[in-house]
Amino acid sequence: MAAAEAKTALLNAYRAARTAAEPARLERQAERMAIAAARQERQAERERMKRAEAERRAAEAAERQAAAEAAARAETEAREAAERNRIARVLEDEAARKAERDRRYANRKARRA
């Protein structure tokens, strides 16, 4: 019988200690939940920052790509314009040579006549 009473006393002591510790347990649990929520918020913020940085880098890369393409187009256009100018000069020179040849021919004909 004494053993049963001792067991009951221990059980009652356990329940009393558990009831007395309940507010502290709830407080620790709330603190852990607050810490976990703050951790999740920090992680979400880091992920947002990473996405923003990736978007910024992608925009910069697209901008550099567009600038490179524009520079390549400008260089190609300049090369084509230079080639057209060279061809035009060659044609002008050829026309001038023909005109000079025709003038000499006309002078020769005029001297003979």
C-alpha atoms as a PDB file:
ATOM      1  CA  MET A   1       0.000   0.000   0.000  1.00  0.00           C
ATOM      2  CA  ALA A   2       2.835   2.361   0.782  1.00  0.00           C
ATOM      3  CA  ALA A   3       4.215   1.706  -2.689  1.00  0.00           C
ATOM      4  CA  ALA A   4       0.913   2.660  -4.271  1.00  0.00           C
ATOM      5  CA  GLU A   5       0.785   5.820  -2.200  1.00  0.00           C
ATOM      6  CA  ALA A   6       4.378   6.640  -3.151  1.00  0.00           C
ATOM      7  CA  LYS A   7       3.545   6.029  -6.794  1.00  0.00           C
ATOM      8  CA  THR A   8       0.471   8.249  -6.513  1.00  0.00           C
ATOM      9  CA  ALA A   9       2.525  10.918  -4.765  1.00  0.00           C
ATOM     10  CA  LEU A  10       5.154  10.790  -7.507  1.00  0.00           C
ATOM     11  CA  LEU A  11       2.469  10.989 -10.176  1.00  0.00           C
ATOM     12  CA  ASN A  12       0.846  13.938  -8.429  1.00  0.00           C
ATOM     13  CA  ALA A  13       4.233  15.626  -8.038  1.00  0.00           C
ATOM     14  CA  TYR A  14       4.929  15.071 -11.756  1.00  0.00           C
ATOM     15  CA  ARG A  15       1.549  16.538 -12.720  1.00  0.00           C
ATOM     16  CA  ALA A  16       2.076  19.519 -10.415  1.00  0.00           C
ATOM     17  CA  ALA A  17       5.554  20.135 -11.830  1.00  0.00           C
ATOM     18  CA  ARG A  18       4.223  19.801 -15.358  1.00  0.00           C
ATOM     19  CA  THR A  19       1.395  22.223 -14.652  1.00  0.00           C
ATOM     20  CA  ALA A  20       3.817  24.646 -12.986  1.00  0.00           C
ATOM     21  CA  ALA A  21       6.219  24.396 -15.955  1.00  0.00           C
ATOM     22  CA  GLU A  22       3.448  24.813 -18.554  1.00  0.00           C
ATOM     23  CA  PRO A  23       3.753  28.623 -18.870  1.00  0.00           C
ATOM     24  CA  ALA A  24       7.525  28.368 -19.254  1.00  0.00           C
ATOM     25  CA  ARG A  25       7.112  25.600 -21.839  1.00  0.00           C
ATOM     26  CA  LEU A  26       4.579  27.653 -23.762  1.00  0.00           C
ATOM     27  CA  GLU A  27       6.884  30.659 -23.569  1.00  0.00           C
ATOM     28  CA  ARG A  28       9.840  28.641 -24.898  1.00  0.00           C
ATOM     29  CA  GLN A  29       7.653  27.199 -27.624  1.00  0.00           C
ATOM     30  CA  ALA A  30       6.441  30.681 -28.628  1.00  0.00           C
ATOM     31  CA  GLU A  31      10.031  31.925 -28.608  1.00  0.00           C
ATOM     32  CA  ARG A  32      11.119  29.044 -30.832  1.00  0.00           C
ATOM     33  CA  MET A  33       8.238  29.754 -33.202  1.00  0.00           C
ATOM     34  CA  ALA A  34       9.188  33.447 -33.314  1.00  0.00           C
ATOM     35  CA  ILE A  35      12.815  32.525 -34.036  1.00  0.00           C
ATOM     36  CA  ALA A  36      11.705  30.119 -36.780  1.00  0.00           C
ATOM     37  CA  ALA A  37       9.440  32.774 -38.312  1.00  0.00           C
ATOM     38  CA  ALA A  38      12.266  35.335 -38.241  1.00  0.00           C
ATOM     39  CA  ARG A  39      14.607  32.783 -39.837  1.00  0.00           C
ATOM     40  CA  GLN A  40      12.085  32.114 -42.596  1.00  0.00           C
ATOM     41  CA  GLU A  41      11.645  35.847 -43.173  1.00  0.00           C
ATOM     42  CA  ARG A  42      15.419  36.357 -43.413  1.00  0.00           C
ATOM     43  CA  GLN A  43      15.677  33.455 -45.843  1.00  0.00           C
ATOM     44  CA  ALA A  44      12.818  34.853 -47.952  1.00  0.00           C
ATOM     45  CA  GLU A  45      14.539  38.258 -47.964  1.00  0.00           C
ATOM     46  CA  ARG A  46      17.818  36.650 -49.068  1.00  0.00           C
ATOM     47  CA  GLU A  47      15.987  34.838 -51.870  1.00  0.00           C
ATOM     48  CA  ARG A  48      14.311  38.118 -52.948  1.00  0.00           C
ATOM     49  CA  MET A  49      17.711  39.817 -52.957  1.00  0.00           C
ATOM     50  CA  LYS A  50      19.201  36.982 -55.007  1.00  0.00           C
ATOM     51  CA  ARG A  51      16.349  37.211 -57.524  1.00  0.00           C
ATOM     52  CA  ALA A  52      16.723  40.987 -57.734  1.00  0.00           C
ATOM     53  CA  GLU A  53      20.480  40.629 -58.260  1.00  0.00           C
ATOM     54  CA  ALA A  54      19.956  37.959 -60.925  1.00  0.00           C
ATOM     55  CA  GLU A  55      17.415  40.185 -62.690  1.00  0.00           C
ATOM     56  CA  ARG A  56      19.801  43.143 -62.504  1.00  0.00           C
ATOM     57  CA  ARG A  57      22.637  41.053 -63.936  1.00  0.00           C
ATOM     58  CA  ALA A  58      20.379  39.729 -66.691  1.00  0.00           C
ATOM     59  CA  ALA A  59      19.332  43.285 -67.560  1.00  0.00           C
ATOM     60  CA  GLU A  60      22.964  44.400 -67.633  1.00  0.00           C
ATOM     61  CA  ALA A  61      23.891  41.430 -69.815  1.00  0.00           C
ATOM     62  CA  ALA A  62      21.035  42.219 -72.197  1.00  0.00           C
ATOM     63  CA  GLU A  63      22.130  45.851 -72.272  1.00  0.00           C
ATOM     64  CA  ARG A  64      25.733  44.862 -73.022  1.00  0.00           C
ATOM     65  CA  GLN A  65      24.505  42.456 -75.696  1.00  0.00           C
ATOM     66  CA  ALA A  66      22.378  45.168 -77.305  1.00  0.00           C
ATOM     67  CA  ALA A  67      25.310  47.592 -77.201  1.00  0.00           C
ATOM     68  CA  ALA A  68      27.611  44.992 -78.753  1.00  0.00           C
ATOM     69  CA  GLU A  69      25.073  44.264 -81.484  1.00  0.00           C
ATOM     70  CA  ALA A  70      24.626  47.991 -82.154  1.00  0.00           C
ATOM     71  CA  ALA A  71      28.397  48.437 -82.338  1.00  0.00           C
ATOM     72  CA  ALA A  72      28.688  45.466 -84.704  1.00  0.00           C
ATOM     73  CA  ARG A  73      25.894  46.903 -86.892  1.00  0.00           C
ATOM     74  CA  ALA A  74      27.573  50.317 -86.908  1.00  0.00           C
ATOM     75  CA  GLU A  75      30.904  48.757 -87.820  1.00  0.00           C
ATOM     76  CA  THR A  76      29.310  46.734 -90.607  1.00  0.00           C
ATOM     77  CA  GLU A  77      27.485  49.780 -91.930  1.00  0.00           C
ATOM     78  CA  ALA A  78      30.695  51.832 -91.790  1.00  0.00           C
ATOM     79  CA  ARG A  79      32.578  49.093 -93.637  1.00  0.00           C
ATOM     80  CA  GLU A  80      29.834  48.892 -96.274  1.00  0.00           C
ATOM     81  CA  ALA A  81      29.822  52.699 -96.651  1.00  0.00           C
ATOM     82  CA  ALA A  82      33.611  52.704 -97.031  1.00  0.00           C
ATOM     83  CA  GLU A  83      33.331  49.972 -99.655  1.00  0.00           C
ATOM     84  CA  ARG A  84      30.625  51.952-101.522  1.00  0.00           C
ATOM     85  CA  ASN A  85      32.817  55.068-101.370  1.00  0.00           C
ATOM     86  CA  ARG A  86      35.804  53.128-102.684  1.00  0.00           C
ATOM     87  CA  ILE A  87      33.728  51.712-105.537  1.00  0.00           C
ATOM     88  CA  ALA A  88      32.374  55.186-106.307  1.00  0.00           C
ATOM     89  CA  ARG A  89      35.935  56.606-106.383  1.00  0.00           C
ATOM     90  CA  VAL A  90      37.069  53.794-108.663  1.00  0.00           C
ATOM     91  CA  LEU A  91      34.159  54.487-111.014  1.00  0.00           C
ATOM     92  CA  GLU A  92      34.872  58.235-110.922  1.00  0.00           C
ATOM     93  CA  ASP A  93      38.552  57.603-111.639  1.00  0.00           C
ATOM     94  CA  GLU A  94      37.632  55.302-114.505  1.00  0.00           C
ATOM     95  CA  ALA A  95      35.227  57.896-115.905  1.00  0.00           C
ATOM     96  CA  ALA A  96      37.928  60.577-115.558  1.00  0.00           C
ATOM     97  CA  ARG A  97      40.464  58.356-117.380  1.00  0.00           C
ATOM     98  CA  LYS A  98      37.964  57.721-120.159  1.00  0.00           C
ATOM     99  CA  ALA A  99      37.167  61.447-120.391  1.00  0.00           C
ATOM    100  CA  GLU A 100      40.913  62.254-120.561  1.00  0.00           C
ATOM    101  CA  ARG A 101      41.409  59.569-123.208  1.00  0.00           C
ATOM    102  CA  ASP A 102      38.474  60.927-125.217  1.00  0.00           C
ATOM    103  CA  ARG A 103      39.847  64.468-124.889  1.00  0.00           C
ATOM    104  CA  ARG A 104      43.283  63.381-126.138  1.00  0.00           C
ATOM    105  CA  TYR A 105      41.657  61.487-128.981  1.00  0.00           C
ATOM    106  CA  ALA A 106      39.575  64.542-129.911  1.00  0.00           C
ATOM    107  CA  ASN A 107      42.718  66.772-129.791  1.00  0.00           C
ATOM    108  CA  ARG A 108      44.599  64.326-132.011  1.00  0.00           C
ATOM    109  CA  LYS A 109      41.725  64.280-134.490  1.00  0.00           C
ATOM    110  CA  ALA A 110      41.560  68.060-134.421  1.00  0.00           C
ATOM    111  CA  ARG A 111      45.312  68.360-135.191  1.00  0.00           C
ATOM    112  CA  ARG A 112      45.055  65.955-138.105  1.00  0.00           C
ATOM    113  CA  ALA A 113      42.093  67.654-139.643  1.00  0.00           C
END
